[in-house]
């Protein structure tokens, strides 16, 4: 479950970076 949480957090961070790149 911990690995799953880490994966979700990493995905959230990646999506946030993608979102920022799209906005800028």
PDB file of N, CA and C in Angstrom:
ATOM      1  N   UNK A   1       0.843  -1.207   0.000  1.00  0.00           N
ATOM      2  CA  UNK A   1       0.000   0.000   0.000  1.00  0.00           C
ATOM      3  C   UNK A   1       0.880   1.261   0.000  1.00  0.00           C
ATOM      4  N   UNK A   2       2.004   1.156   0.682  1.00  0.00           N
ATOM      5  CA  UNK A   2       2.912   2.305   0.725  1.00  0.00           C
ATOM      6  C   UNK A   2       3.433   2.616  -0.677  1.00  0.00           C
ATOM      7  N   UNK A   3       3.774   1.571  -1.409  1.00  0.00           N
ATOM      8  CA  UNK A   3       4.276   1.773  -2.773  1.00  0.00           C
ATOM      9  C   UNK A   3       3.192   2.425  -3.633  1.00  0.00           C
ATOM     10  N   UNK A   4       1.953   2.022  -3.422  1.00  0.00           N
ATOM     11  CA  UNK A   4       0.849   2.586  -4.194  1.00  0.00           C
ATOM     12  C   UNK A   4       0.702   4.073  -3.870  1.00  0.00           C
ATOM     13  N   UNK A   5       0.856   4.407  -2.594  1.00  0.00           N
ATOM     14  CA  UNK A   5       0.753   5.810  -2.188  1.00  0.00           C
ATOM     15  C   UNK A   5       1.884   6.618  -2.820  1.00  0.00           C
ATOM     16  N   UNK A   6       3.092   6.058  -2.824  1.00  0.00           N
ATOM     17  CA  UNK A   6       4.225   6.753  -3.433  1.00  0.00           C
ATOM     18  C   UNK A   6       3.975   6.966  -4.921  1.00  0.00           C
ATOM     19  N   UNK A   7       3.408   5.954  -5.573  1.00  0.00           N
ATOM     20  CA  UNK A   7       3.137   6.060  -7.004  1.00  0.00           C
ATOM     21  C   UNK A   7       2.118   7.162  -7.273  1.00  0.00           C
ATOM     22  N   UNK A   8       1.087   7.211  -6.448  1.00  0.00           N
ATOM     23  CA  UNK A   8       0.051   8.236  -6.631  1.00  0.00           C
ATOM     24  C   UNK A   8       0.644   9.620  -6.411  1.00  0.00           C
ATOM     25  N   UNK A   9       1.502   9.753  -5.413  1.00  0.00           N
ATOM     26  CA  UNK A   9       2.108  11.055  -5.135  1.00  0.00           C
ATOM     27  C   UNK A   9       3.004  11.469  -6.298  1.00  0.00           C
ATOM     28  N   UNK A  10       3.761  10.528  -6.824  1.00  0.00           N
ATOM     29  CA  UNK A  10       4.648  10.823  -7.953  1.00  0.00           C
ATOM     30  C   UNK A  10       3.818  11.238  -9.164  1.00  0.00           C
ATOM     31  N   UNK A  11       2.687  10.583  -9.371  1.00  0.00           N
ATOM     32  CA  UNK A  11       1.813  10.922 -10.502  1.00  0.00           C
ATOM     33  C   UNK A  11       1.251  12.321 -10.323  1.00  0.00           C
ATOM     34  N   UNK A  12       0.850  12.642  -9.087  1.00  0.00           N
ATOM     35  CA  UNK A  12       0.309  13.982  -8.819  1.00  0.00           C
ATOM     36  C   UNK A  12       1.361  15.038  -9.118  1.00  0.00           C
ATOM     37  N   UNK A  13       2.583  14.781  -8.720  1.00  0.00           N
ATOM     38  CA  UNK A  13       3.660  15.744  -8.970  1.00  0.00           C
ATOM     39  C   UNK A  13       3.907  15.881 -10.468  1.00  0.00           C
ATOM     40  N   UNK A  14       3.901  14.740 -11.180  1.00  0.00           N
ATOM     41  CA  UNK A  14       4.152  14.775 -12.623  1.00  0.00           C
ATOM     42  C   UNK A  14       3.032  15.552 -13.331  1.00  0.00           C
ATOM     43  N   UNK A  15       1.800  15.278 -12.937  1.00  0.00           N
ATOM     44  CA  UNK A  15       0.672  15.982 -13.545  1.00  0.00           C
ATOM     45  C   UNK A  15       0.750  17.472 -13.242  1.00  0.00           C
ATOM     46  N   UNK A  16       1.192  17.808 -12.035  1.00  0.00           N
ATOM     47  CA  UNK A  16       1.308  19.222 -11.664  1.00  0.00           C
ATOM     48  C   UNK A  16       2.337  19.899 -12.557  1.00  0.00           C
ATOM     49  N   UNK A  17       3.446  19.225 -12.821  1.00  0.00           N
ATOM     50  CA  UNK A  17       4.471  19.795 -13.702  1.00  0.00           C
ATOM     51  C   UNK A  17       3.927  19.948 -15.118  1.00  0.00           C
ATOM     52  N   UNK A  18       3.206  18.955 -15.597  1.00  0.00           N
ATOM     53  CA  UNK A  18       2.622  19.016 -16.936  1.00  0.00           C
ATOM     54  C   UNK A  18       1.629  20.173 -17.011  1.00  0.00           C
ATOM     55  N   UNK A  19       0.858  20.343 -15.946  1.00  0.00           N
ATOM     56  CA  UNK A  19      -0.134  21.415 -15.898  1.00  0.00           C
ATOM     57  C   UNK A  19       0.566  22.771 -15.959  1.00  0.00           C
ATOM     58  N   UNK A  20       1.635  22.916 -15.206  1.00  0.00           N
ATOM     59  CA  UNK A  20       2.367  24.183 -15.195  1.00  0.00           C
ATOM     60  C   UNK A  20       2.944  24.473 -16.578  1.00  0.00           C
ATOM     61  N   UNK A  21       3.491  23.443 -17.221  1.00  0.00           N
ATOM     62  CA  UNK A  21       4.071  23.645 -18.552  1.00  0.00           C
ATOM     63  C   UNK A  21       2.984  24.051 -19.546  1.00  0.00           C
ATOM     64  N   UNK A  22       1.795  23.481 -19.383  1.00  0.00           N
ATOM     65  CA  UNK A  22       0.698  23.826 -20.287  1.00  0.00           C
ATOM     66  C   UNK A  22       0.251  25.267 -20.055  1.00  0.00           C
ATOM     67  N   UNK A  23       0.184  25.647 -18.795  1.00  0.00           N
ATOM     68  CA  UNK A  23      -0.242  27.001 -18.462  1.00  0.00           C
ATOM     69  C   UNK A  23       0.766  28.039 -18.952  1.00  0.00           C
ATOM     70  N   UNK A  24       2.035  27.726 -18.828  1.00  0.00           N
ATOM     71  CA  UNK A  24       3.061  28.674 -19.243  1.00  0.00           C
ATOM     72  C   UNK A  24       3.523  28.357 -20.659  1.00  0.00           C
TER      73      UNK A  24
END
